[in-house]
PDB file of N, CA and C in Angstrom:
ATOM      1  N   MET A   1      10.374   6.393   7.102  1.00  0.00           N
ATOM      2  CA  MET A   1       9.081   5.930   7.304  1.00  0.00           C
ATOM      3  C   MET A   1       8.130   4.974   6.403  1.00  0.00           C
ATOM      4  N   GLN A   2       7.539   6.717   6.665  1.00  0.00           N
ATOM      5  CA  GLN A   2       6.542   6.815   5.603  1.00  0.00           C
ATOM      6  C   GLN A   2       6.411   6.439   3.865  1.00  0.00           C
ATOM      7  N   ASP A   3       7.688   7.165   3.463  1.00  0.00           N
ATOM      8  CA  ASP A   3       8.313   6.336   1.958  1.00  0.00           C
ATOM      9  C   ASP A   3       8.232   5.023   2.383  1.00  0.00           C
ATOM     10  N   ILE A   4       9.004   4.191   2.845  1.00  0.00           N
ATOM     11  CA  ILE A   4       9.105   2.866   3.085  1.00  0.00           C
ATOM     12  C   ILE A   4       8.086   1.921   3.163  1.00  0.00           C
ATOM     13  N   SER A   5       6.974   2.939   3.630  1.00  0.00           N
ATOM     14  CA  SER A   5       5.708   1.927   4.134  1.00  0.00           C
ATOM     15  C   SER A   5       4.790   2.467   2.760  1.00  0.00           C
ATOM     16  N   GLN A   6       4.971   3.428   2.485  1.00  0.00           N
ATOM     17  CA  GLN A   6       4.262   3.764   0.925  1.00  0.00           C
ATOM     18  C   GLN A   6       4.649   2.269   0.182  1.00  0.00           C
ATOM     19  N   PHE A   7       6.255   2.081  -0.099  1.00  0.00           N
ATOM     20  CA  PHE A   7       6.896   1.705  -0.973  1.00  0.00           C
ATOM     21  C   PHE A   7       6.626   0.010  -0.773  1.00  0.00           C
ATOM     22  N   LEU A   8       6.398  -0.348  -0.048  1.00  0.00           N
ATOM     23  CA  LEU A   8       5.932  -1.697   0.149  1.00  0.00           C
ATOM     24  C   LEU A   8       4.514  -1.917   0.595  1.00  0.00           C
ATOM     25  N   ALA A   9       3.683  -1.365   0.556  1.00  0.00           N
ATOM     26  CA  ALA A   9       2.208  -1.341   0.541  1.00  0.00           C
ATOM     27  C   ALA A   9       1.648  -2.308  -0.737  1.00  0.00           C
ATOM     28  N   SER A  10       1.036  -3.069  -0.325  1.00  0.00           N
ATOM     29  CA  SER A  10      -0.116  -3.634  -1.657  1.00  0.00           C
ATOM     30  C   SER A  10      -0.422  -3.141  -2.870  1.00  0.00           C
ATOM     31  N   THR A  11      -0.856  -1.853  -1.840  1.00  0.00           N
ATOM     32  CA  THR A  11      -1.627  -1.062  -3.022  1.00  0.00           C
ATOM     33  C   THR A  11      -0.856   0.062  -3.775  1.00  0.00           C
ATOM     34  N   THR A  12       0.364   0.142  -3.608  1.00  0.00           N
ATOM     35  CA  THR A  12       1.566   0.863  -4.230  1.00  0.00           C
ATOM     36  C   THR A  12       2.138  -0.164  -5.287  1.00  0.00           C
ATOM     37  N   THR A  13       2.366  -1.628  -4.825  1.00  0.00           N
ATOM     38  CA  THR A  13       3.212  -2.605  -6.074  1.00  0.00           C
ATOM     39  C   THR A  13       1.922  -2.996  -6.757  1.00  0.00           C
ATOM     40  N   LEU A  14       0.897  -3.034  -6.364  1.00  0.00           N
ATOM     41  CA  LEU A  14      -0.347  -3.710  -7.322  1.00  0.00           C
ATOM     42  C   LEU A  14      -0.789  -2.551  -8.346  1.00  0.00           C
ATOM     43  N   TRP A  15      -0.341  -1.287  -8.049  1.00  0.00           N
ATOM     44  CA  TRP A  15      -0.972  -0.350  -8.800  1.00  0.00           C
ATOM     45  C   TRP A  15      -0.769  -0.465 -10.256  1.00  0.00           C
ATOM     46  N   ARG A  16       0.712  -1.212 -10.809  1.00  0.00           N
ATOM     47  CA  ARG A  16       0.674  -0.485 -12.068  1.00  0.00           C
ATOM     48  C   ARG A  16       1.696  -2.244 -12.591  1.00  0.00           C
ATOM     49  N   SER A  17       1.260  -3.440 -11.954  1.00  0.00           N
ATOM     50  CA  SER A  17       1.588  -4.506 -11.573  1.00  0.00           C
ATOM     51  C   SER A  17       0.553  -5.522 -11.042  1.00  0.00           C
ATOM     52  N   ASP A  18       0.894  -6.835 -11.375  1.00  0.00           N
ATOM     53  CA  ASP A  18       0.614  -7.782 -10.604  1.00  0.00           C
ATOM     54  C   ASP A  18       1.422  -8.068  -9.612  1.00  0.00           C
ATOM     55  N   VAL A  19       2.211  -7.296  -8.871  1.00  0.00           N
ATOM     56  CA  VAL A  19       3.165  -7.736  -8.120  1.00  0.00           C
ATOM     57  C   VAL A  19       2.863  -7.623  -6.520  1.00  0.00           C
ATOM     58  N   ARG A  20       3.457  -8.279  -5.816  1.00  0.00           N
ATOM     59  CA  ARG A  20       3.103  -8.490  -4.253  1.00  0.00           C
ATOM     60  C   ARG A  20       4.102  -9.053  -3.642  1.00  0.00           C
ATOM     61  N   LEU A  21       4.670  -7.880  -2.982  1.00  0.00           N
ATOM     62  CA  LEU A  21       6.250  -8.593  -2.493  1.00  0.00           C
ATOM     63  C   LEU A  21       5.861  -9.840  -1.657  1.00  0.00           C
ATOM     64  N   THR A  22       6.378 -10.172  -1.473  1.00  0.00           N
ATOM     65  CA  THR A  22       6.833 -11.314   0.080  1.00  0.00           C
ATOM     66  C   THR A  22       7.317 -10.947   1.215  1.00  0.00           C
ATOM     67  N   PHE A  23       7.237 -11.698   2.264  1.00  0.00           N
ATOM     68  CA  PHE A  23       7.711 -11.706   2.852  1.00  0.00           C
ATOM     69  C   PHE A  23       9.552 -11.477   3.284  1.00  0.00           C
ATOM     70  N   ALA A  24      10.015 -12.302   2.094  1.00  0.00           N
ATOM     71  CA  ALA A  24      11.096 -12.693   2.353  1.00  0.00           C
ATOM     72  C   ALA A  24      12.042 -11.410   1.255  1.00  0.00           C
ATOM     73  N   GLN A  25      11.043 -10.828   0.413  1.00  0.00           N
ATOM     74  CA  GLN A  25      11.488  -9.710  -0.593  1.00  0.00           C
ATOM     75  C   GLN A  25      11.423  -8.656   0.367  1.00  0.00           C
ATOM     76  N   LYS A  26      10.807  -8.208   1.089  1.00  0.00           N
ATOM     77  CA  LYS A  26      10.181  -7.151   2.108  1.00  0.00           C
ATOM     78  C   LYS A  26      11.576  -7.211   3.324  1.00  0.00           C
ATOM     79  N   GLN A  27      11.518  -8.323   3.748  1.00  0.00           N
ATOM     80  CA  GLN A  27      12.646  -8.687   5.015  1.00  0.00           C
ATOM     81  C   GLN A  27      13.785  -8.255   4.100  1.00  0.00           C
ATOM     82  N   GLY A  28      14.778  -8.891   2.945  1.00  0.00           N
ATOM     83  CA  GLY A  28      15.346  -8.363   2.090  1.00  0.00           C
ATOM     84  C   GLY A  28      15.864  -6.850   1.831  1.00  0.00           C
ATOM     85  N   PHE A  29      14.812  -5.926   1.864  1.00  0.00           N
ATOM     86  CA  PHE A  29      14.895  -4.472   1.232  1.00  0.00           C
ATOM     87  C   PHE A  29      15.227  -3.782   2.877  1.00  0.00           C
ATOM     88  N   MET A  30      14.496  -4.268   4.025  1.00  0.00           N
ATOM     89  CA  MET A  30      14.737  -3.650   4.823  1.00  0.00           C
ATOM     90  C   MET A  30      15.782  -3.687   5.443  1.00  0.00           C
ATOM     91  N   ASP A  31      16.696  -4.958   5.527  1.00  0.00           N
ATOM     92  CA  ASP A  31      18.195  -5.706   5.827  1.00  0.00           C
ATOM     93  C   ASP A  31      19.259  -4.589   5.371  1.00  0.00           C
ATOM     94  N   GLN A  32      18.828  -4.428   3.890  1.00  0.00           N
ATOM     95  CA  GLN A  32      19.404  -3.116   3.304  1.00  0.00           C
ATOM     96  C   GLN A  32      19.766  -2.130   3.437  1.00  0.00           C
ATOM     97  N   TYR A  33      18.459  -2.126   3.945  1.00  0.00           N
ATOM     98  CA  TYR A  33      17.944  -0.515   3.903  1.00  0.00           C
ATOM     99  C   TYR A  33      18.404   0.346   4.930  1.00  0.00           C
ATOM    100  N   LEU A  34      18.344  -0.701   6.028  1.00  0.00           N
ATOM    101  CA  LEU A  34      18.516  -0.341   7.370  1.00  0.00           C
ATOM    102  C   LEU A  34      20.847  -0.545   7.439  1.00  0.00           C
ATOM    103  N   ALA A  35      20.753  -1.332   7.077  1.00  0.00           N
ATOM    104  CA  ALA A  35      22.163  -1.870   7.193  1.00  0.00           C
ATOM    105  C   ALA A  35      22.533  -0.228   6.473  1.00  0.00           C
ATOM    106  N   VAL A  36      22.188   0.163   5.626  1.00  0.00           N
ATOM    107  CA  VAL A  36      22.494   1.290   4.827  1.00  0.00           C
ATOM    108  C   VAL A  36      22.608   3.173   5.192  1.00  0.00           C
ATOM    109  N   THR A  37      21.111   3.266   5.893  1.00  0.00           N
ATOM    110  CA  THR A  37      20.942   4.095   7.005  1.00  0.00           C
ATOM    111  C   THR A  37      21.223   4.350   7.706  1.00  0.00           C
ATOM    112  N   GLY A  38      21.537   3.385   8.476  1.00  0.00           N
ATOM    113  CA  GLY A  38      22.290   3.243  10.017  1.00  0.00           C
ATOM    114  C   GLY A  38      21.186   3.589  11.206  1.00  0.00           C
ATOM    115  N   PHE A  39      20.074   3.508  10.488  1.00  0.00           N
ATOM    116  CA  PHE A  39      18.605   3.298  11.509  1.00  0.00           C
ATOM    117  C   PHE A  39      18.802   2.390  12.325  1.00  0.00           C
ATOM    118  N   ASP A  40      18.033   2.765  13.696  1.00  0.00           N
ATOM    119  CA  ASP A  40      17.886   1.732  14.600  1.00  0.00           C
ATOM    120  C   ASP A  40      17.136   1.281  14.273  1.00  0.00           C
ATOM    121  N   PRO A  41      16.634  -0.564  14.001  1.00  0.00           N
ATOM    122  CA  PRO A  41      16.317  -1.435  13.691  1.00  0.00           C
ATOM    123  C   PRO A  41      14.474  -1.430  14.632  1.00  0.00           C
ATOM    124  N   THR A  42      14.938  -0.798  15.833  1.00  0.00           N
ATOM    125  CA  THR A  42      13.707  -1.179  16.487  1.00  0.00           C
ATOM    126  C   THR A  42      12.896  -0.301  16.076  1.00  0.00           C
ATOM    127  N   ASP A  43      13.382   0.898  16.471  1.00  0.00           N
ATOM    128  CA  ASP A  43      12.761   1.845  16.413  1.00  0.00           C
ATOM    129  C   ASP A  43      12.225   1.882  15.386  1.00  0.00           C
ATOM    130  N   PHE A  44      12.842   1.890  13.950  1.00  0.00           N
ATOM    131  CA  PHE A  44      12.596   2.133  12.796  1.00  0.00           C
ATOM    132  C   PHE A  44      11.231   1.370  12.347  1.00  0.00           C
ATOM    133  N   LEU A  45      10.965  -0.054  12.370  1.00  0.00           N
ATOM    134  CA  LEU A  45      10.061  -1.015  12.693  1.00  0.00           C
ATOM    135  C   LEU A  45       9.050  -0.852  13.459  1.00  0.00           C
ATOM    136  N   THR A  46       9.549  -0.366  14.570  1.00  0.00           N
ATOM    137  CA  THR A  46       7.974   0.227  15.806  1.00  0.00           C
ATOM    138  C   THR A  46       7.438   1.339  15.049  1.00  0.00           C
ATOM    139  N   ALA A  47       7.780   1.992  14.589  1.00  0.00           N
ATOM    140  CA  ALA A  47       7.060   3.173  13.962  1.00  0.00           C
ATOM    141  C   ALA A  47       5.895   3.283  12.648  1.00  0.00           C
ATOM    142  N   LEU A  48       7.042   2.008  11.601  1.00  0.00           N
ATOM    143  CA  LEU A  48       6.362   1.116  10.627  1.00  0.00           C
ATOM    144  C   LEU A  48       5.509   0.346  11.133  1.00  0.00           C
ATOM    145  N   ALA A  49       5.415  -0.010  11.665  1.00  0.00           N
ATOM    146  CA  ALA A  49       3.798  -1.071  12.018  1.00  0.00           C
ATOM    147  C   ALA A  49       2.845   0.000  12.860  1.00  0.00           C
ATOM    148  N   ILE A  50       3.169   1.041  13.168  1.00  0.00           N
ATOM    149  CA  ILE A  50       2.608   2.299  13.917  1.00  0.00           C
ATOM    150  C   ILE A  50       1.850   2.849  12.333  1.00  0.00           C
ATOM    151  N   TYR A  51       2.881   2.887  11.575  1.00  0.00           N
ATOM    152  CA  TYR A  51       2.636   4.102  10.713  1.00  0.00           C
ATOM    153  C   TYR A  51       1.491   3.180   9.412  1.00  0.00           C
ATOM    154  N   HIS A  52       2.069   2.471   9.431  1.00  0.00           N
ATOM    155  CA  HIS A  52       1.715   1.565   8.068  1.00  0.00           C
ATOM    156  C   HIS A  52      -0.189   1.188   8.051  1.00  0.00           C
ATOM    157  N   PRO A  53      -0.995   1.143   8.727  1.00  0.00           N
ATOM    158  CA  PRO A  53      -2.746   0.952   8.721  1.00  0.00           C
ATOM    159  C   PRO A  53      -3.221   2.320   8.451  1.00  0.00           C
ATOM    160  N   TYR A  54      -2.011   3.175   8.699  1.00  0.00           N
ATOM    161  CA  TYR A  54      -2.881   4.602   8.339  1.00  0.00           C
ATOM    162  C   TYR A  54      -2.508   5.206   6.722  1.00  0.00           C
ATOM    163  N   LEU A  55      -1.744   4.259   6.426  1.00  0.00           N
ATOM    164  CA  LEU A  55      -1.199   4.499   5.067  1.00  0.00           C
ATOM    165  C   LEU A  55      -1.983   3.578   4.452  1.00  0.00           C
ATOM    166  N   MET A  56      -2.619   2.580   5.136  1.00  0.00           N
ATOM    167  CA  MET A  56      -3.932   1.566   4.055  1.00  0.00           C
ATOM    168  C   MET A  56      -4.749   2.559   4.373  1.00  0.00           C
ATOM    169  N   LEU A  57      -5.217   3.090   5.088  1.00  0.00           N
ATOM    170  CA  LEU A  57      -6.303   3.789   5.074  1.00  0.00           C
ATOM    171  C   LEU A  57      -6.771   5.245   4.425  1.00  0.00           C
ATOM    172  N   ARG A  58      -5.343   5.741   4.110  1.00  0.00           N
ATOM    173  CA  ARG A  58      -5.604   6.448   3.109  1.00  0.00           C
ATOM    174  C   ARG A  58      -5.099   6.632   1.675  1.00  0.00           C
ATOM    175  N   ALA A  59      -4.966   5.252   1.383  1.00  0.00           N
ATOM    176  CA  ALA A  59      -4.832   4.456  -0.176  1.00  0.00           C
ATOM    177  C   ALA A  59      -6.310   4.092  -0.074  1.00  0.00           C
ATOM    178  N   LEU A  60      -6.938   3.596   0.400  1.00  0.00           N
ATOM    179  CA  LEU A  60      -8.224   2.935   0.100  1.00  0.00           C
ATOM    180  C   LEU A  60      -8.944   4.392  -0.060  1.00  0.00           C
ATOM    181  N   SER A  61      -8.851   5.141   1.271  1.00  0.00           N
ATOM    182  CA  SER A  61     -10.222   6.523   1.164  1.00  0.00           C
ATOM    183  C   SER A  61      -9.530   7.108  -0.281  1.00  0.00           C
ATOM    184  N   TRP A  62      -8.382   7.639  -0.359  1.00  0.00           N
ATOM    185  CA  TRP A  62      -7.850   7.816  -1.942  1.00  0.00           C
ATOM    186  C   TRP A  62      -8.938   7.149  -3.381  1.00  0.00           C
ATOM    187  N   SER A  63      -8.899   5.886  -2.996  1.00  0.00           N
ATOM    188  CA  SER A  63      -9.024   5.125  -4.302  1.00  0.00           C
ATOM    189  C   SER A  63     -10.802   5.201  -3.870  1.00  0.00           C
ATOM    190  N   THR A  64     -11.714   5.344  -2.821  1.00  0.00           N
ATOM    191  CA  THR A  64     -13.334   5.043  -2.760  1.00  0.00           C
ATOM    192  C   THR A  64     -13.101   7.151  -3.256  1.00  0.00           C
ATOM    193  N   MET A  65     -12.646   7.735  -3.284  1.00  0.00           N
ATOM    194  CA  MET A  65     -12.867   9.086  -3.814  1.00  0.00           C
ATOM    195  C   MET A  65     -12.239   8.967  -5.601  1.00  0.00           C
ATOM    196  N   ALA A  66     -11.287   8.302  -6.024  1.00  0.00           N
ATOM    197  CA  ALA A  66     -11.122   8.318  -6.954  1.00  0.00           C
ATOM    198  C   ALA A  66     -12.440   7.866  -7.693  1.00  0.00           C
ATOM    199  N   TYR A  67     -12.803   6.406  -7.423  1.00  0.00           N
ATOM    200  CA  TYR A  67     -14.366   5.385  -7.769  1.00  0.00           C
ATOM    201  C   TYR A  67     -15.434   6.846  -7.813  1.00  0.00           C
ATOM    202  N   ASP A  68     -15.720   7.385  -7.231  1.00  0.00           N
ATOM    203  CA  ASP A  68     -16.726   8.245  -7.405  1.00  0.00           C
ATOM    204  C   ASP A  68     -16.605   9.316  -7.632  1.00  0.00           C
ATOM    205  N   SER A  69     -14.977  10.269  -8.085  1.00  0.00           N
ATOM    206  CA  SER A  69     -15.393  10.878  -9.383  1.00  0.00           C
ATOM    207  C   SER A  69     -15.717  10.068 -10.314  1.00  0.00           C
ATOM    208  N   TYR A  70     -15.106   9.318 -11.118  1.00  0.00           N
ATOM    209  CA  TYR A  70     -15.625   8.526 -11.858  1.00  0.00           C
ATOM    210  C   TYR A  70     -16.394   8.146 -12.279  1.00  0.00           C
ATOM    211  N   LEU A  71     -17.489   7.514 -11.767  1.00  0.00           N
ATOM    212  CA  LEU A  71     -19.074   7.059 -11.473  1.00  0.00           C
ATOM    213  C   LEU A  71     -19.712   8.447 -11.405  1.00  0.00           C
ATOM    214  N   SER A  72     -19.102   9.656 -10.704  1.00  0.00           N
ATOM    215  CA  SER A  72     -19.996  10.664 -10.873  1.00  0.00           C
ATOM    216  C   SER A  72     -20.040  11.813 -11.835  1.00  0.00           C
ATOM    217  N   ASP A  73     -19.149  11.669 -12.782  1.00  0.00           N
ATOM    218  CA  ASP A  73     -18.719  12.506 -14.301  1.00  0.00           C
ATOM    219  C   ASP A  73     -17.943  14.011 -13.619  1.00  0.00           C
ATOM    220  N   THR A  74     -17.288  13.848 -12.362  1.00  0.00           N
ATOM    221  CA  THR A  74     -16.779  14.476 -11.971  1.00  0.00           C
ATOM    222  C   THR A  74     -15.003  14.947 -12.405  1.00  0.00           C
ATOM    223  N   LYS A  75     -14.561  13.628 -12.587  1.00  0.00           N
ATOM    224  CA  LYS A  75     -12.996  14.341 -13.482  1.00  0.00           C
ATOM    225  C   LYS A  75     -12.910  14.329 -14.791  1.00  0.00           C
ATOM    226  N   ALA A  76     -12.414  14.992 -15.033  1.00  0.00           N
ATOM    227  CA  ALA A  76     -12.035  15.554 -16.432  1.00  0.00           C
ATOM    228  C   ALA A  76     -11.365  14.652 -17.264  1.00  0.00           C
ATOM    229  N   LEU A  77     -10.266  13.904 -16.357  1.00  0.00           N
ATOM    230  CA  LEU A  77      -9.457  13.084 -17.164  1.00  0.00           C
ATOM    231  C   LEU A  77      -9.655  11.342 -16.469  1.00  0.00           C
ATOM    232  N   LYS A  78     -10.093  10.821 -17.772  1.00  0.00           N
ATOM    233  CA  LYS A  78      -9.853   9.452 -17.499  1.00  0.00           C
ATOM    234  C   LYS A  78      -9.433   8.038 -17.716  1.00  0.00           C
ATOM    235  N   ASN A  79      -9.085   7.366 -17.140  1.00  0.00           N
ATOM    236  CA  ASN A  79      -8.279   5.926 -17.548  1.00  0.00           C
ATOM    237  C   ASN A  79      -9.208   4.965 -17.266  1.00  0.00           C
ATOM    238  N   GLU A  80      -9.304   4.119 -17.726  1.00  0.00           N
ATOM    239  CA  GLU A  80      -9.835   2.911 -17.610  1.00  0.00           C
ATOM    240  C   GLU A  80      -9.432   1.723 -17.104  1.00  0.00           C
ATOM    241  N   VAL A  81      -7.824   2.060 -16.952  1.00  0.00           N
ATOM    242  CA  VAL A  81      -7.229   1.286 -16.037  1.00  0.00           C
ATOM    243  C   VAL A  81      -7.004   1.213 -14.774  1.00  0.00           C
ATOM    244  N   ILE A  82      -7.222   2.909 -14.623  1.00  0.00           N
ATOM    245  CA  ILE A  82      -7.055   3.602 -13.348  1.00  0.00           C
ATOM    246  C   ILE A  82      -8.115   2.699 -12.137  1.00  0.00           C
ATOM    247  N   PHE A  83      -9.042   3.374 -13.556  1.00  0.00           N
ATOM    248  CA  PHE A  83     -10.477   2.503 -12.982  1.00  0.00           C
ATOM    249  C   PHE A  83     -10.724   1.355 -12.544  1.00  0.00           C
ATOM    250  N   GLN A  84     -10.849   0.662 -12.986  1.00  0.00           N
ATOM    251  CA  GLN A  84     -10.735  -0.591 -12.917  1.00  0.00           C
ATOM    252  C   GLN A  84      -9.688  -1.141 -11.464  1.00  0.00           C
ATOM    253  N   LYS A  85      -8.888  -0.397 -11.511  1.00  0.00           N
ATOM    254  CA  LYS A  85      -7.730  -0.791 -10.282  1.00  0.00           C
ATOM    255  C   LYS A  85      -8.269  -0.096  -8.747  1.00  0.00           C
ATOM    256  N   VAL A  86      -8.954   0.749  -9.157  1.00  0.00           N
ATOM    257  CA  VAL A  86      -9.550   1.563  -7.833  1.00  0.00           C
ATOM    258  C   VAL A  86     -10.790   0.462  -7.592  1.00  0.00           C
ATOM    259  N   LYS A  87     -11.206   0.575  -8.872  1.00  0.00           N
ATOM    260  CA  LYS A  87     -12.234  -0.723  -8.041  1.00  0.00           C
ATOM    261  C   LYS A  87     -11.802  -1.708  -7.796  1.00  0.00           C
ATOM    262  N   SER A  88     -10.957  -2.759  -7.975  1.00  0.00           N
ATOM    263  CA  SER A  88     -10.479  -3.728  -7.383  1.00  0.00           C
ATOM    264  C   SER A  88     -10.344  -3.493  -5.935  1.00  0.00           C
ATOM    265  N   TYR A  89      -9.517  -2.266  -5.807  1.00  0.00           N
ATOM    266  CA  TYR A  89      -9.558  -2.100  -4.172  1.00  0.00           C
ATOM    267  C   TYR A  89     -10.510  -1.828  -3.232  1.00  0.00           C
ATOM    268  N   LEU A  90     -11.378  -1.582  -3.795  1.00  0.00           N
ATOM    269  CA  LEU A  90     -12.582  -1.288  -3.104  1.00  0.00           C
ATOM    270  C   LEU A  90     -13.521  -2.924  -3.055  1.00  0.00           C
ATOM    271  N   ASP A  91     -13.049  -4.171  -3.432  1.00  0.00           N
ATOM    272  CA  ASP A  91     -13.711  -5.348  -3.701  1.00  0.00           C
ATOM    273  C   ASP A  91     -13.980  -5.712  -2.444  1.00  0.00           C
ATOM    274  N   PRO A  92     -14.497  -6.293  -1.513  1.00  0.00           N
ATOM    275  CA  PRO A  92     -14.931  -6.333  -0.393  1.00  0.00           C
ATOM    276  C   PRO A  92     -13.409  -7.710   0.223  1.00  0.00           C
ATOM    277  N   ALA A  93     -12.812  -8.517  -0.555  1.00  0.00           N
ATOM    278  CA  ALA A  93     -12.219  -9.405  -0.403  1.00  0.00           C
ATOM    279  C   ALA A  93     -11.088  -8.569  -0.264  1.00  0.00           C
ATOM    280  N   PHE A  94     -10.478  -7.876  -1.071  1.00  0.00           N
ATOM    281  CA  PHE A  94      -9.274  -6.813  -1.399  1.00  0.00           C
ATOM    282  C   PHE A  94      -9.600  -5.941   0.211  1.00  0.00           C
ATOM    283  N   LEU A  95     -10.313  -5.424   0.460  1.00  0.00           N
ATOM    284  CA  LEU A  95     -11.103  -4.502   1.698  1.00  0.00           C
ATOM    285  C   LEU A  95     -10.246  -5.345   3.166  1.00  0.00           C
ATOM    286  N   ALA A  96     -11.249  -6.283   2.798  1.00  0.00           N
ATOM    287  CA  ALA A  96     -10.689  -7.046   4.480  1.00  0.00           C
ATOM    288  C   ALA A  96      -8.912  -7.461   4.414  1.00  0.00           C
ATOM    289  N   GLN A  97      -8.373  -7.660   2.979  1.00  0.00           N
ATOM    290  CA  GLN A  97      -7.171  -7.860   3.665  1.00  0.00           C
ATOM    291  C   GLN A  97      -6.448  -6.448   3.400  1.00  0.00           C
ATOM    292  N   ALA A  98      -7.070  -5.812   3.094  1.00  0.00           N
ATOM    293  CA  ALA A  98      -5.906  -4.351   3.320  1.00  0.00           C
ATOM    294  C   ALA A  98      -6.001  -3.811   4.446  1.00  0.00           C
ATOM    295  N   LEU A  99      -7.186  -3.893   5.306  1.00  0.00           N
ATOM    296  CA  LEU A  99      -7.413  -3.160   6.567  1.00  0.00           C
ATOM    297  C   LEU A  99      -6.585  -4.230   7.510  1.00  0.00           C
ATOM    298  N   GLN A 100      -6.270  -4.985   7.334  1.00  0.00           N
ATOM    299  CA  GLN A 100      -5.573  -6.247   8.142  1.00  0.00           C
ATOM    300  C   GLN A 100      -3.788  -6.287   8.108  1.00  0.00           C
ATOM    301  N   GLU A 101      -3.287  -5.224   6.686  1.00  0.00           N
ATOM    302  CA  GLU A 101      -1.998  -5.665   6.236  1.00  0.00           C
ATOM    303  C   GLU A 101      -1.204  -4.601   7.078  1.00  0.00           C
ATOM    304  N   GLN A 102      -0.051  -6.122   7.552  1.00  0.00           N
ATOM    305  CA  GLN A 102       0.805  -5.454   8.374  1.00  0.00           C
ATOM    306  C   GLN A 102       1.940  -5.139   7.054  1.00  0.00           C
ATOM    307  N   VAL A 103       3.273  -4.587   7.089  1.00  0.00           N
ATOM    308  CA  VAL A 103       4.436  -4.871   6.062  1.00  0.00           C
ATOM    309  C   VAL A 103       4.891  -6.172   6.401  1.00  0.00           C
ATOM    310  N   PHE A 104       4.865  -7.204   7.723  1.00  0.00           N
ATOM    311  CA  PHE A 104       5.941  -7.879   8.099  1.00  0.00           C
ATOM    312  C   PHE A 104       5.169  -9.382   8.027  1.00  0.00           C
ATOM    313  N   ALA A 105       3.751  -9.116   7.798  1.00  0.00           N
ATOM    314  CA  ALA A 105       2.971 -10.622   8.247  1.00  0.00           C
ATOM    315  C   ALA A 105       3.576 -11.256   6.823  1.00  0.00           C
ATOM    316  N   HIS A 106       3.468 -12.834   7.563  1.00  0.00           N
ATOM    317  CA  HIS A 106       3.696 -13.759   7.097  1.00  0.00           C
ATOM    318  C   HIS A 106       2.886 -13.866   5.541  1.00  0.00           C
ATOM    319  N   ASP A 107       3.619 -14.686   4.513  1.00  0.00           N
ATOM    320  CA  ASP A 107       2.917 -14.920   3.874  1.00  0.00           C
ATOM    321  C   ASP A 107       1.914 -15.984   3.898  1.00  0.00           C
TER     322      ASP A 107
END
């Protein structure tokens, strides 16, 4: 469930692309995943709904740490693309959306 939450999170899909999965794409993936694994859909989706906000907080806190490391020169390896990405994750509009993100919220 944790891996699926990570896979479906906007911070993951946007990391190296501009892709934000739609509700239909997530639903199609989950339908196939649950059919293949045989996991109980109710239990799995309940656990996913509980866990996902914590995953988003973790992703945002990691981004904050990375942003600070870049600004304070404590990071030996630097990548401008990653810096710009974590900076975009700390934009107030993105933060507002990310802190409310649910895996299966309608678009």
